[in-house]
């Protein structure tokens, strides 16, 4: 179960990273359109912040998913869950959709580590 959760988490983290890059590109597009219209750039700053937090959350989920393969305690699944939930909340909509895979991976990894320790 630890291997399955690691693989699912890696896939979710990579997809989350791609979603965060798309969010950052959208922020740049909005900034360009706002500069043409002569308005402020508050929306583009907000979108860029979502993208940056999404990149951070995705990188953390990739790291914790890779460490899940050798996890002997329940610390790695918990860290994966926390980083996936934080990325989903603060990373924007596209990143949140991808972080669902990482949340599932954290739950499966937690169950796998618990079953291994009770045997």
PDB file of N, CA and C in Angstrom:
ATOM      1  N   UNK A   1       0.810  -1.201   0.000  1.00  0.00           N
ATOM      2  CA  UNK A   1       0.000   0.000   0.000  1.00  0.00           C
ATOM      3  C   UNK A   1       0.853   1.264   0.000  1.00  0.00           C
ATOM      4  N   UNK A   2       2.050   1.159   0.598  1.00  0.00           N
ATOM      5  CA  UNK A   2       2.917   2.326   0.615  1.00  0.00           C
ATOM      6  C   UNK A   2       3.388   2.680  -0.785  1.00  0.00           C
ATOM      7  N   UNK A   3       3.668   1.646  -1.597  1.00  0.00           N
ATOM      8  CA  UNK A   3       4.102   1.916  -2.971  1.00  0.00           C
ATOM      9  C   UNK A   3       2.974   2.540  -3.780  1.00  0.00           C
ATOM     10  N   UNK A   4       1.783   2.016  -3.607  1.00  0.00           N
ATOM     11  CA  UNK A   4       0.637   2.571  -4.340  1.00  0.00           C
ATOM     12  C   UNK A   4       0.388   4.016  -3.939  1.00  0.00           C
ATOM     13  N   UNK A   5       0.469   4.308  -2.655  1.00  0.00           N
ATOM     14  CA  UNK A   5       0.242   5.683  -2.218  1.00  0.00           C
ATOM     15  C   UNK A   5       1.352   6.605  -2.708  1.00  0.00           C
ATOM     16  N   UNK A   6       2.578   6.110  -2.768  1.00  0.00           N
ATOM     17  CA  UNK A   6       3.674   6.916  -3.291  1.00  0.00           C
ATOM     18  C   UNK A   6       3.491   7.245  -4.765  1.00  0.00           C
ATOM     19  N   UNK A   7       3.058   6.250  -5.533  1.00  0.00           N
ATOM     20  CA  UNK A   7       2.850   6.466  -6.968  1.00  0.00           C
ATOM     21  C   UNK A   7       1.687   7.418  -7.203  1.00  0.00           C
ATOM     22  N   UNK A   8       0.585   7.206  -6.488  1.00  0.00           N
ATOM     23  CA  UNK A   8      -0.573   8.097  -6.643  1.00  0.00           C
ATOM     24  C   UNK A   8      -0.205   9.520  -6.234  1.00  0.00           C
ATOM     25  N   UNK A   9       0.547   9.655  -5.148  1.00  0.00           N
ATOM     26  CA  UNK A   9       0.966  10.975  -4.694  1.00  0.00           C
ATOM     27  C   UNK A   9       1.890  11.666  -5.684  1.00  0.00           C
ATOM     28  N   UNK A  10       2.805  10.897  -6.295  1.00  0.00           N
ATOM     29  CA  UNK A  10       3.689  11.492  -7.296  1.00  0.00           C
ATOM     30  C   UNK A  10       2.909  11.972  -8.509  1.00  0.00           C
ATOM     31  N   UNK A  11       1.955  11.174  -8.962  1.00  0.00           N
ATOM     32  CA  UNK A  11       1.133  11.584 -10.106  1.00  0.00           C
ATOM     33  C   UNK A  11       0.344  12.844  -9.761  1.00  0.00           C
ATOM     34  N   UNK A  12      -0.270  12.868  -8.577  1.00  0.00           N
ATOM     35  CA  UNK A  12      -1.029  14.047  -8.159  1.00  0.00           C
ATOM     36  C   UNK A  12      -0.156  15.276  -8.002  1.00  0.00           C
ATOM     37  N   UNK A  13       1.052  15.095  -7.459  1.00  0.00           N
ATOM     38  CA  UNK A  13       1.965  16.220  -7.284  1.00  0.00           C
ATOM     39  C   UNK A  13       2.445  16.793  -8.606  1.00  0.00           C
ATOM     40  N   UNK A  14       2.740  15.914  -9.561  1.00  0.00           N
ATOM     41  CA  UNK A  14       3.186  16.382 -10.878  1.00  0.00           C
ATOM     42  C   UNK A  14       2.050  17.103 -11.599  1.00  0.00           C
ATOM     43  N   UNK A  15       0.846  16.537 -11.534  1.00  0.00           N
ATOM     44  CA  UNK A  15      -0.298  17.210 -12.147  1.00  0.00           C
ATOM     45  C   UNK A  15      -0.598  18.538 -11.440  1.00  0.00           C
ATOM     46  N   UNK A  16      -0.420  18.571 -10.116  1.00  0.00           N
ATOM     47  CA  UNK A  16      -0.606  19.808  -9.369  1.00  0.00           C
ATOM     48  C   UNK A  16       0.409  20.864  -9.763  1.00  0.00           C
ATOM     49  N   UNK A  17       1.648  20.443 -10.018  1.00  0.00           N
ATOM     50  CA  UNK A  17       2.670  21.380 -10.468  1.00  0.00           C
ATOM     51  C   UNK A  17       2.298  21.962 -11.829  1.00  0.00           C
ATOM     52  N   UNK A  18       1.837  21.114 -12.734  1.00  0.00           N
ATOM     53  CA  UNK A  18       1.417  21.615 -14.045  1.00  0.00           C
ATOM     54  C   UNK A  18       0.230  22.575 -13.916  1.00  0.00           C
ATOM     55  N   UNK A  19      -0.694  22.255 -13.022  1.00  0.00           N
ATOM     56  CA  UNK A  19      -1.839  23.145 -12.795  1.00  0.00           C
ATOM     57  C   UNK A  19      -1.386  24.474 -12.204  1.00  0.00           C
ATOM     58  N   UNK A  20      -0.390  24.445 -11.329  1.00  0.00           N
ATOM     59  CA  UNK A  20       0.126  25.683 -10.742  1.00  0.00           C
ATOM     60  C   UNK A  20       0.824  26.539 -11.797  1.00  0.00           C
ATOM     61  N   UNK A  21       1.527  25.899 -12.729  1.00  0.00           N
ATOM     62  CA  UNK A  21       2.170  26.642 -13.808  1.00  0.00           C
ATOM     63  C   UNK A  21       1.109  27.288 -14.696  1.00  0.00           C
ATOM     64  N   UNK A  22       0.024  26.570 -14.966  1.00  0.00           N
ATOM     65  CA  UNK A  22      -1.071  27.147 -15.752  1.00  0.00           C
ATOM     66  C   UNK A  22      -1.684  28.334 -15.006  1.00  0.00           C
ATOM     67  N   UNK A  23      -1.805  28.211 -13.684  1.00  0.00           N
ATOM     68  CA  UNK A  23      -2.334  29.315 -12.885  1.00  0.00           C
ATOM     69  C   UNK A  23      -1.410  30.533 -12.951  1.00  0.00           C
ATOM     70  N   UNK A  24      -0.099  30.291 -12.889  1.00  0.00           N
ATOM     71  CA  UNK A  24       0.852  31.402 -12.998  1.00  0.00           C
ATOM     72  C   UNK A  24       0.770  32.055 -14.380  1.00  0.00           C
ATOM     73  N   UNK A  25       0.620  31.244 -15.422  1.00  0.00           N
ATOM     74  CA  UNK A  25       0.501  31.806 -16.768  1.00  0.00           C
ATOM     75  C   UNK A  25      -0.785  32.614 -16.907  1.00  0.00           C
ATOM     76  N   UNK A  26      -1.840  32.165 -16.269  1.00  0.00           N
ATOM     77  CA  UNK A  26      -3.089  32.910 -16.285  1.00  0.00           C
ATOM     78  C   UNK A  26      -2.922  34.254 -15.584  1.00  0.00           C
ATOM     79  N   UNK A  27      -2.181  34.268 -14.481  1.00  0.00           N
ATOM     80  CA  UNK A  27      -1.899  35.524 -13.782  1.00  0.00           C
ATOM     81  C   UNK A  27      -1.132  36.491 -14.663  1.00  0.00           C
ATOM     82  N   UNK A  28      -0.185  35.974 -15.437  1.00  0.00           N
ATOM     83  CA  UNK A  28       0.555  36.830 -16.364  1.00  0.00           C
ATOM     84  C   UNK A  28      -0.330  37.363 -17.472  1.00  0.00           C
ATOM     85  N   UNK A  29      -1.231  36.527 -17.961  1.00  0.00           N
ATOM     86  CA  UNK A  29      -2.158  36.970 -19.003  1.00  0.00           C
ATOM     87  C   UNK A  29      -3.089  38.063 -18.482  1.00  0.00           C
ATOM     88  N   UNK A  30      -3.586  37.871 -17.269  1.00  0.00           N
ATOM     89  CA  UNK A  30      -4.468  38.880 -16.670  1.00  0.00           C
ATOM     90  C   UNK A  30      -3.702  40.182 -16.432  1.00  0.00           C
ATOM     91  N   UNK A  31      -2.444  40.084 -16.026  1.00  0.00           N
ATOM     92  CA  UNK A  31      -1.635  41.292 -15.827  1.00  0.00           C
ATOM     93  C   UNK A  31      -1.448  42.033 -17.137  1.00  0.00           C
ATOM     94  N   UNK A  32      -1.225  41.283 -18.211  1.00  0.00           N
ATOM     95  CA  UNK A  32      -1.081  41.929 -19.515  1.00  0.00           C
ATOM     96  C   UNK A  32      -2.359  42.600 -19.966  1.00  0.00           C
ATOM     97  N   UNK A  33      -3.478  41.944 -19.755  1.00  0.00           N
ATOM     98  CA  UNK A  33      -4.753  42.544 -20.144  1.00  0.00           C
ATOM     99  C   UNK A  33      -5.093  43.756 -19.287  1.00  0.00           C
ATOM    100  N   UNK A  34      -4.720  43.702 -18.007  1.00  0.00           N
ATOM    101  CA  UNK A  34      -4.983  44.861 -17.141  1.00  0.00           C
ATOM    102  C   UNK A  34      -4.107  46.040 -17.521  1.00  0.00           C
ATOM    103  N   UNK A  35      -2.880  45.780 -17.961  1.00  0.00           N
ATOM    104  CA  UNK A  35      -2.014  46.895 -18.333  1.00  0.00           C
ATOM    105  C   UNK A  35      -2.503  47.544 -19.629  1.00  0.00           C
ATOM    106  N   UNK A  36      -3.088  46.754 -20.518  1.00  0.00           N
ATOM    107  CA  UNK A  36      -3.656  47.316 -21.745  1.00  0.00           C
ATOM    108  C   UNK A  36      -4.880  48.157 -21.415  1.00  0.00           C
ATOM    109  N   UNK A  37      -5.678  47.669 -20.466  1.00  0.00           N
ATOM    110  CA  UNK A  37      -6.891  48.395 -20.097  1.00  0.00           C
ATOM    111  C   UNK A  37      -6.594  49.595 -19.200  1.00  0.00           C
ATOM    112  N   UNK A  38      -5.392  49.666 -18.639  1.00  0.00           N
ATOM    113  CA  UNK A  38      -5.024  50.794 -17.796  1.00  0.00           C
ATOM    114  C   UNK A  38      -5.546  50.689 -16.378  1.00  0.00           C
ATOM    115  N   UNK A  39      -5.922  49.503 -15.963  1.00  0.00           N
ATOM    116  CA  UNK A  39      -6.444  49.305 -14.604  1.00  0.00           C
ATOM    117  C   UNK A  39      -5.323  48.805 -13.695  1.00  0.00           C
ATOM    118  N   UNK A  40      -5.654  48.644 -12.401  1.00  0.00           N
ATOM    119  CA  UNK A  40      -4.696  48.127 -11.429  1.00  0.00           C
ATOM    120  C   UNK A  40      -4.416  46.654 -11.652  1.00  0.00           C
ATOM    121  N   UNK A  41      -3.510  46.114 -10.887  1.00  0.00           N
ATOM    122  CA  UNK A  41      -3.127  44.717 -11.093  1.00  0.00           C
ATOM    123  C   UNK A  41      -3.402  43.844  -9.863  1.00  0.00           C
ATOM    124  N   UNK A  42      -4.473  44.118  -9.170  1.00  0.00           N
ATOM    125  CA  UNK A  42      -4.781  43.331  -7.979  1.00  0.00           C
ATOM    126  C   UNK A  42      -5.170  41.905  -8.316  1.00  0.00           C
ATOM    127  N   UNK A  43      -5.945  41.715  -9.355  1.00  0.00           N
ATOM    128  CA  UNK A  43      -6.378  40.367  -9.728  1.00  0.00           C
ATOM    129  C   UNK A  43      -5.193  39.520 -10.160  1.00  0.00           C
ATOM    130  N   UNK A  44      -4.278  40.104 -10.916  1.00  0.00           N
ATOM    131  CA  UNK A  44      -3.125  39.334 -11.372  1.00  0.00           C
ATOM    132  C   UNK A  44      -2.204  38.977 -10.208  1.00  0.00           C
ATOM    133  N   UNK A  45      -2.074  39.863  -9.239  1.00  0.00           N
ATOM    134  CA  UNK A  45      -1.269  39.542  -8.057  1.00  0.00           C
ATOM    135  C   UNK A  45      -1.877  38.393  -7.264  1.00  0.00           C
ATOM    136  N   UNK A  46      -3.180  38.398  -7.126  1.00  0.00           N
ATOM    137  CA  UNK A  46      -3.863  37.330  -6.395  1.00  0.00           C
ATOM    138  C   UNK A  46      -3.704  36.002  -7.116  1.00  0.00           C
ATOM    139  N   UNK A  47      -3.882  36.003  -8.432  1.00  0.00           N
ATOM    140  CA  UNK A  47      -3.731  34.772  -9.205  1.00  0.00           C
ATOM    141  C   UNK A  47      -2.293  34.270  -9.126  1.00  0.00           C
ATOM    142  N   UNK A  48      -1.324  35.175  -9.184  1.00  0.00           N
ATOM    143  CA  UNK A  48       0.079  34.781  -9.083  1.00  0.00           C
ATOM    144  C   UNK A  48       0.395  34.197  -7.707  1.00  0.00           C
ATOM    145  N   UNK A  49      -0.200  34.748  -6.662  1.00  0.00           N
ATOM    146  CA  UNK A  49       0.008  34.188  -5.324  1.00  0.00           C
ATOM    147  C   UNK A  49      -0.571  32.791  -5.225  1.00  0.00           C
ATOM    148  N   UNK A  50      -1.754  32.571  -5.805  1.00  0.00           N
ATOM    149  CA  UNK A  50      -2.324  31.224  -5.843  1.00  0.00           C
ATOM    150  C   UNK A  50      -1.382  30.267  -6.556  1.00  0.00           C
ATOM    151  N   UNK A  51      -0.816  30.720  -7.673  1.00  0.00           N
ATOM    152  CA  UNK A  51       0.092  29.875  -8.439  1.00  0.00           C
ATOM    153  C   UNK A  51       1.353  29.534  -7.675  1.00  0.00           C
ATOM    154  N   UNK A  52       1.920  30.506  -6.979  1.00  0.00           N
ATOM    155  CA  UNK A  52       3.144  30.250  -6.218  1.00  0.00           C
ATOM    156  C   UNK A  52       2.905  29.301  -5.048  1.00  0.00           C
ATOM    157  N   UNK A  53       1.803  29.471  -4.353  1.00  0.00           N
ATOM    158  CA  UNK A  53       1.468  28.557  -3.259  1.00  0.00           C
ATOM    159  C   UNK A  53       1.167  27.166  -3.813  1.00  0.00           C
ATOM    160  N   UNK A  54       0.559  27.109  -4.992  1.00  0.00           N
ATOM    161  CA  UNK A  54       0.306  25.829  -5.638  1.00  0.00           C
ATOM    162  C   UNK A  54       1.594  25.116  -6.008  1.00  0.00           C
ATOM    163  N   UNK A  55       2.581  25.870  -6.494  1.00  0.00           N
ATOM    164  CA  UNK A  55       3.888  25.272  -6.800  1.00  0.00           C
ATOM    165  C   UNK A  55       4.531  24.736  -5.531  1.00  0.00           C
ATOM    166  N   UNK A  56       4.488  25.503  -4.462  1.00  0.00           N
ATOM    167  CA  UNK A  56       5.073  25.063  -3.193  1.00  0.00           C
ATOM    168  C   UNK A  56       4.373  23.809  -2.675  1.00  0.00           C
ATOM    169  N   UNK A  57       3.049  23.821  -2.677  1.00  0.00           N
ATOM    170  CA  UNK A  57       2.305  22.648  -2.214  1.00  0.00           C
ATOM    171  C   UNK A  57       2.568  21.426  -3.073  1.00  0.00           C
ATOM    172  N   UNK A  58       2.681  21.629  -4.375  1.00  0.00           N
ATOM    173  CA  UNK A  58       2.951  20.510  -5.274  1.00  0.00           C
ATOM    174  C   UNK A  58       4.346  19.941  -5.056  1.00  0.00           C
ATOM    175  N   UNK A  59       5.336  20.801  -4.877  1.00  0.00           N
ATOM    176  CA  UNK A  59       6.681  20.316  -4.600  1.00  0.00           C
ATOM    177  C   UNK A  59       6.728  19.529  -3.292  1.00  0.00           C
ATOM    178  N   UNK A  60       6.043  20.028  -2.277  1.00  0.00           N
ATOM    179  CA  UNK A  60       6.025  19.305  -1.006  1.00  0.00           C
ATOM    180  C   UNK A  60       5.347  17.946  -1.143  1.00  0.00           C
ATOM    181  N   UNK A  61       4.260  17.886  -1.898  1.00  0.00           N
ATOM    182  CA  UNK A  61       3.596  16.592  -2.077  1.00  0.00           C
ATOM    183  C   UNK A  61       4.462  15.633  -2.883  1.00  0.00           C
ATOM    184  N   UNK A  62       5.220  16.143  -3.848  1.00  0.00           N
ATOM    185  CA  UNK A  62       6.129  15.278  -4.606  1.00  0.00           C
ATOM    186  C   UNK A  62       7.214  14.722  -3.685  1.00  0.00           C
ATOM    187  N   UNK A  63       7.772  15.572  -2.842  1.00  0.00           N
ATOM    188  CA  UNK A  63       8.832  15.137  -1.923  1.00  0.00           C
ATOM    189  C   UNK A  63       8.299  14.114  -0.920  1.00  0.00           C
ATOM    190  N   UNK A  64       7.155  14.403  -0.316  1.00  0.00           N
ATOM    191  CA  UNK A  64       6.610  13.482   0.683  1.00  0.00           C
ATOM    192  C   UNK A  64       6.120  12.185   0.045  1.00  0.00           C
ATOM    193  N   UNK A  65       5.667  12.251  -1.201  1.00  0.00           N
ATOM    194  CA  UNK A  65       5.258  11.025  -1.889  1.00  0.00           C
ATOM    195  C   UNK A  65       6.469  10.151  -2.198  1.00  0.00           C
ATOM    196  N   UNK A  66       7.572  10.778  -2.560  1.00  0.00           N
ATOM    197  CA  UNK A  66       8.789  10.009  -2.816  1.00  0.00           C
ATOM    198  C   UNK A  66       9.318   9.379  -1.531  1.00  0.00           C
ATOM    199  N   UNK A  67       9.183  10.085  -0.426  1.00  0.00           N
ATOM    200  CA  UNK A  67       9.634   9.536   0.860  1.00  0.00           C
ATOM    201  C   UNK A  67       8.676   8.484   1.408  1.00  0.00           C
ATOM    202  N   UNK A  68       7.495   8.398   0.825  1.00  0.00           N
ATOM    203  CA  UNK A  68       6.490   7.439   1.282  1.00  0.00           C
ATOM    204  C   UNK A  68       6.920   5.996   1.027  1.00  0.00           C
ATOM    205  N   UNK A  69       7.762   5.765   0.010  1.00  0.00           N
ATOM    206  CA  UNK A  69       8.168   4.406  -0.333  1.00  0.00           C
ATOM    207  C   UNK A  69       8.903   3.729   0.814  1.00  0.00           C
ATOM    208  N   UNK A  70       9.654   4.470   1.584  1.00  0.00           N
ATOM    209  CA  UNK A  70      10.396   3.886   2.691  1.00  0.00           C
ATOM    210  C   UNK A  70       9.857   4.257   4.060  1.00  0.00           C
ATOM    211  N   UNK A  71       8.632   4.736   4.120  1.00  0.00           N
ATOM    212  CA  UNK A  71       8.064   5.209   5.388  1.00  0.00           C
ATOM    213  C   UNK A  71       7.794   4.043   6.330  1.00  0.00           C
ATOM    214  N   UNK A  72       8.253   4.183   7.553  1.00  0.00           N
ATOM    215  CA  UNK A  72       7.993   3.178   8.576  1.00  0.00           C
ATOM    216  C   UNK A  72       7.064   3.714   9.664  1.00  0.00           C
ATOM    217  N   UNK A  73       6.933   5.027   9.724  1.00  0.00           N
ATOM    218  CA  UNK A  73       6.025   5.624  10.705  1.00  0.00           C
ATOM    219  C   UNK A  73       4.923   6.371   9.960  1.00  0.00           C
ATOM    220  N   UNK A  74       3.971   6.855  10.698  1.00  0.00           N
ATOM    221  CA  UNK A  74       2.849   7.555  10.075  1.00  0.00           C
ATOM    222  C   UNK A  74       3.146   9.037   9.856  1.00  0.00           C
ATOM    223  N   UNK A  75       4.386   9.471  10.011  1.00  0.00           N
ATOM    224  CA  UNK A  75       4.736  10.876   9.826  1.00  0.00           C
ATOM    225  C   UNK A  75       4.629  11.300   8.361  1.00  0.00           C
ATOM    226  N   UNK A  76       5.143  10.492   7.436  1.00  0.00           N
ATOM    227  CA  UNK A  76       5.112  10.860   6.019  1.00  0.00           C
ATOM    228  C   UNK A  76       3.692  10.965   5.467  1.00  0.00           C
ATOM    229  N   UNK A  77       2.799  10.006   5.748  1.00  0.00           N
ATOM    230  CA  UNK A  77       1.426  10.193   5.254  1.00  0.00           C
ATOM    231  C   UNK A  77       0.740  11.424   5.832  1.00  0.00           C
ATOM    232  N   UNK A  78       1.031  11.727   7.085  1.00  0.00           N
ATOM    233  CA  UNK A  78       0.425  12.911   7.702  1.00  0.00           C
ATOM    234  C   UNK A  78       0.971  14.179   7.044  1.00  0.00           C
ATOM    235  N   UNK A  79       2.280  14.233   6.796  1.00  0.00           N
ATOM    236  CA  UNK A  79       2.865  15.398   6.126  1.00  0.00           C
ATOM    237  C   UNK A  79       2.341  15.530   4.697  1.00  0.00           C
ATOM    238  N   UNK A  80       2.141  14.389   4.024  1.00  0.00           N
ATOM    239  CA  UNK A  80       1.565  14.419   2.681  1.00  0.00           C
ATOM    240  C   UNK A  80       0.145  14.964   2.717  1.00  0.00           C
ATOM    241  N   UNK A  81      -0.635  14.524   3.674  1.00  0.00           N
ATOM    242  CA  UNK A  81      -2.009  15.021   3.815  1.00  0.00           C
ATOM    243  C   UNK A  81      -2.043  16.517   4.106  1.00  0.00           C
ATOM    244  N   UNK A  82      -1.200  16.958   5.017  1.00  0.00           N
ATOM    245  CA  UNK A  82      -1.183  18.381   5.388  1.00  0.00           C
ATOM    246  C   UNK A  82      -0.780  19.242   4.191  1.00  0.00           C
ATOM    247  N   UNK A  83       0.267  18.830   3.468  1.00  0.00           N
ATOM    248  CA  UNK A  83       0.701  19.641   2.331  1.00  0.00           C
ATOM    249  C   UNK A  83      -0.325  19.604   1.198  1.00  0.00           C
ATOM    250  N   UNK A  84      -0.991  18.476   1.001  1.00  0.00           N
ATOM    251  CA  UNK A  84      -2.012  18.388  -0.043  1.00  0.00           C
ATOM    252  C   UNK A  84      -3.228  19.237   0.302  1.00  0.00           C
ATOM    253  N   UNK A  85      -3.646  19.215   1.548  1.00  0.00           N
ATOM    254  CA  UNK A  85      -4.796  20.028   1.962  1.00  0.00           C
ATOM    255  C   UNK A  85      -4.454  21.519   1.877  1.00  0.00           C
ATOM    256  N   UNK A  86      -3.252  21.889   2.307  1.00  0.00           N
ATOM    257  CA  UNK A  86      -2.838  23.294   2.215  1.00  0.00           C
ATOM    258  C   UNK A  86      -2.748  23.736   0.753  1.00  0.00           C
ATOM    259  N   UNK A  87      -2.198  22.873  -0.102  1.00  0.00           N
ATOM    260  CA  UNK A  87      -2.133  23.206  -1.525  1.00  0.00           C
ATOM    261  C   UNK A  87      -3.507  23.323  -2.147  1.00  0.00           C
ATOM    262  N   UNK A  88      -4.433  22.467  -1.716  1.00  0.00           N
ATOM    263  CA  UNK A  88      -5.791  22.512  -2.258  1.00  0.00           C
ATOM    264  C   UNK A  88      -6.526  23.777  -1.817  1.00  0.00           C
ATOM    265  N   UNK A  89      -6.316  24.189  -0.586  1.00  0.00           N
ATOM    266  CA  UNK A  89      -7.018  25.367  -0.076  1.00  0.00           C
ATOM    267  C   UNK A  89      -6.425  26.656  -0.643  1.00  0.00           C
ATOM    268  N   UNK A  90      -5.107  26.751  -0.646  1.00  0.00           N
ATOM    269  CA  UNK A  90      -4.459  28.016  -0.994  1.00  0.00           C
ATOM    270  C   UNK A  90      -3.881  28.056  -2.401  1.00  0.00           C
ATOM    271  N   UNK A  91      -3.989  26.979  -3.175  1.00  0.00           N
ATOM    272  CA  UNK A  91      -3.351  26.917  -4.486  1.00  0.00           C
ATOM    273  C   UNK A  91      -4.230  27.270  -5.659  1.00  0.00           C
ATOM    274  N   UNK A  92      -5.500  27.438  -5.437  1.00  0.00           N
ATOM    275  CA  UNK A  92      -6.397  27.733  -6.544  1.00  0.00           C
ATOM    276  C   UNK A  92      -7.182  26.501  -6.963  1.00  0.00           C
ATOM    277  N   UNK A  93      -8.114  26.698  -7.862  1.00  0.00           N
ATOM    278  CA  UNK A  93      -9.043  25.642  -8.242  1.00  0.00           C
ATOM    279  C   UNK A  93      -8.361  24.503  -8.993  1.00  0.00           C
ATOM    280  N   UNK A  94      -7.519  24.825  -9.969  1.00  0.00           N
ATOM    281  CA  UNK A  94      -6.872  23.773 -10.741  1.00  0.00           C
ATOM    282  C   UNK A  94      -5.968  22.914  -9.865  1.00  0.00           C
ATOM    283  N   UNK A  95      -5.244  23.535  -8.987  1.00  0.00           N
ATOM    284  CA  UNK A  95      -4.358  22.790  -8.091  1.00  0.00           C
ATOM    285  C   UNK A  95      -5.186  21.950  -7.124  1.00  0.00           C
ATOM    286  N   UNK A  96      -6.310  22.471  -6.670  1.00  0.00           N
ATOM    287  CA  UNK A  96      -7.161  21.737  -5.729  1.00  0.00           C
ATOM    288  C   UNK A  96      -7.690  20.453  -6.350  1.00  0.00           C
ATOM    289  N   UNK A  97      -8.030  20.505  -7.632  1.00  0.00           N
ATOM    290  CA  UNK A  97      -8.512  19.301  -8.305  1.00  0.00           C
ATOM    291  C   UNK A  97      -7.419  18.228  -8.333  1.00  0.00           C
ATOM    292  N   UNK A  98      -6.189  18.633  -8.563  1.00  0.00           N
ATOM    293  CA  UNK A  98      -5.079  17.675  -8.610  1.00  0.00           C
ATOM    294  C   UNK A  98      -4.681  17.195  -7.212  1.00  0.00           C
ATOM    295  N   UNK A  99      -4.865  18.018  -6.211  1.00  0.00           N
ATOM    296  CA  UNK A  99      -4.490  17.635  -4.857  1.00  0.00           C
ATOM    297  C   UNK A  99      -5.422  16.573  -4.269  1.00  0.00           C
ATOM    298  N   UNK A 100      -6.559  16.358  -4.909  1.00  0.00           N
ATOM    299  CA  UNK A 100      -7.452  15.285  -4.448  1.00  0.00           C
ATOM    300  C   UNK A 100      -6.726  13.944  -4.529  1.00  0.00           C
ATOM    301  N   UNK A 101      -5.938  13.747  -5.592  1.00  0.00           N
ATOM    302  CA  UNK A 101      -5.151  12.517  -5.705  1.00  0.00           C
ATOM    303  C   UNK A 101      -4.151  12.394  -4.556  1.00  0.00           C
ATOM    304  N   UNK A 102      -3.536  13.492  -4.183  1.00  0.00           N
ATOM    305  CA  UNK A 102      -2.560  13.459  -3.090  1.00  0.00           C
ATOM    306  C   UNK A 102      -3.239  13.207  -1.748  1.00  0.00           C
ATOM    307  N   UNK A 103      -4.440  13.721  -1.570  1.00  0.00           N
ATOM    308  CA  UNK A 103      -5.179  13.456  -0.336  1.00  0.00           C
ATOM    309  C   UNK A 103      -5.524  11.975  -0.255  1.00  0.00           C
ATOM    310  N   UNK A 104      -5.960  11.401  -1.373  1.00  0.00           N
ATOM    311  CA  UNK A 104      -6.241   9.963  -1.403  1.00  0.00           C
ATOM    312  C   UNK A 104      -4.971   9.171  -1.130  1.00  0.00           C
ATOM    313  N   UNK A 105      -3.852   9.596  -1.705  1.00  0.00           N
ATOM    314  CA  UNK A 105      -2.577   8.911  -1.474  1.00  0.00           C
ATOM    315  C   UNK A 105      -2.173   8.974   0.002  1.00  0.00           C
ATOM    316  N   UNK A 106      -2.392  10.110   0.642  1.00  0.00           N
ATOM    317  CA  UNK A 106      -2.070  10.229   2.062  1.00  0.00           C
ATOM    318  C   UNK A 106      -2.914   9.309   2.924  1.00  0.00           C
ATOM    319  N   UNK A 107      -4.195   9.198   2.586  1.00  0.00           N
ATOM    320  CA  UNK A 107      -5.081   8.319   3.353  1.00  0.00           C
ATOM    321  C   UNK A 107      -4.682   6.863   3.154  1.00  0.00           C
ATOM    322  N   UNK A 108      -4.412   6.474   1.899  1.00  0.00           N
ATOM    323  CA  UNK A 108      -3.999   5.095   1.617  1.00  0.00           C
ATOM    324  C   UNK A 108      -2.663   4.796   2.286  1.00  0.00           C
ATOM    325  N   UNK A 109      -1.743   5.744   2.246  1.00  0.00           N
ATOM    326  CA  UNK A 109      -0.447   5.550   2.905  1.00  0.00           C
ATOM    327  C   UNK A 109      -0.574   5.431   4.412  1.00  0.00           C
ATOM    328  N   UNK A 110      -1.460   6.210   4.996  1.00  0.00           N
ATOM    329  CA  UNK A 110      -1.686   6.130   6.441  1.00  0.00           C
ATOM    330  C   UNK A 110      -2.247   4.769   6.818  1.00  0.00           C
ATOM    331  N   UNK A 111      -3.201   4.276   6.030  1.00  0.00           N
ATOM    332  CA  UNK A 111      -3.760   2.951   6.289  1.00  0.00           C
ATOM    333  C   UNK A 111      -2.696   1.877   6.099  1.00  0.00           C
ATOM    334  N   UNK A 112      -1.868   2.012   5.069  1.00  0.00           N
ATOM    335  CA  UNK A 112      -0.812   1.026   4.814  1.00  0.00           C
ATOM    336  C   UNK A 112       0.226   0.976   5.913  1.00  0.00           C
ATOM    337  N   UNK A 113       0.629   2.129   6.423  1.00  0.00           N
ATOM    338  CA  UNK A 113       1.613   2.160   7.514  1.00  0.00           C
ATOM    339  C   UNK A 113       0.999   1.590   8.786  1.00  0.00           C
ATOM    340  N   UNK A 114      -0.259   1.891   9.043  1.00  0.00           N
ATOM    341  CA  UNK A 114      -0.939   1.371  10.241  1.00  0.00           C
ATOM    342  C   UNK A 114      -1.059  -0.147  10.171  1.00  0.00           C
ATOM    343  N   UNK A 115      -1.401  -0.700   8.998  1.00  0.00           N
ATOM    344  CA  UNK A 115      -1.534  -2.145   8.871  1.00  0.00           C
ATOM    345  C   UNK A 115      -0.194  -2.827   9.027  1.00  0.00           C
ATOM    346  N   UNK A 116       0.858  -2.210   8.504  1.00  0.00           N
ATOM    347  CA  UNK A 116       2.199  -2.791   8.595  1.00  0.00           C
ATOM    348  C   UNK A 116       2.673  -2.826  10.042  1.00  0.00           C
ATOM    349  N   UNK A 117       2.325  -1.794  10.817  1.00  0.00           N
ATOM    350  CA  UNK A 117       2.804  -1.731  12.207  1.00  0.00           C
ATOM    351  C   UNK A 117       2.026  -2.670  13.123  1.00  0.00           C
ATOM    352  N   UNK A 118       0.789  -3.035  12.758  1.00  0.00           N
ATOM    353  CA  UNK A 118       0.011  -3.937  13.610  1.00  0.00           C
ATOM    354  C   UNK A 118       0.329  -5.399  13.340  1.00  0.00           C
ATOM    355  N   UNK A 119       0.968  -5.688  12.201  1.00  0.00           N
ATOM    356  CA  UNK A 119       1.293  -7.086  11.895  1.00  0.00           C
ATOM    357  C   UNK A 119       2.478  -7.579  12.668  1.00  0.00           C
TER     358      UNK A 119
END
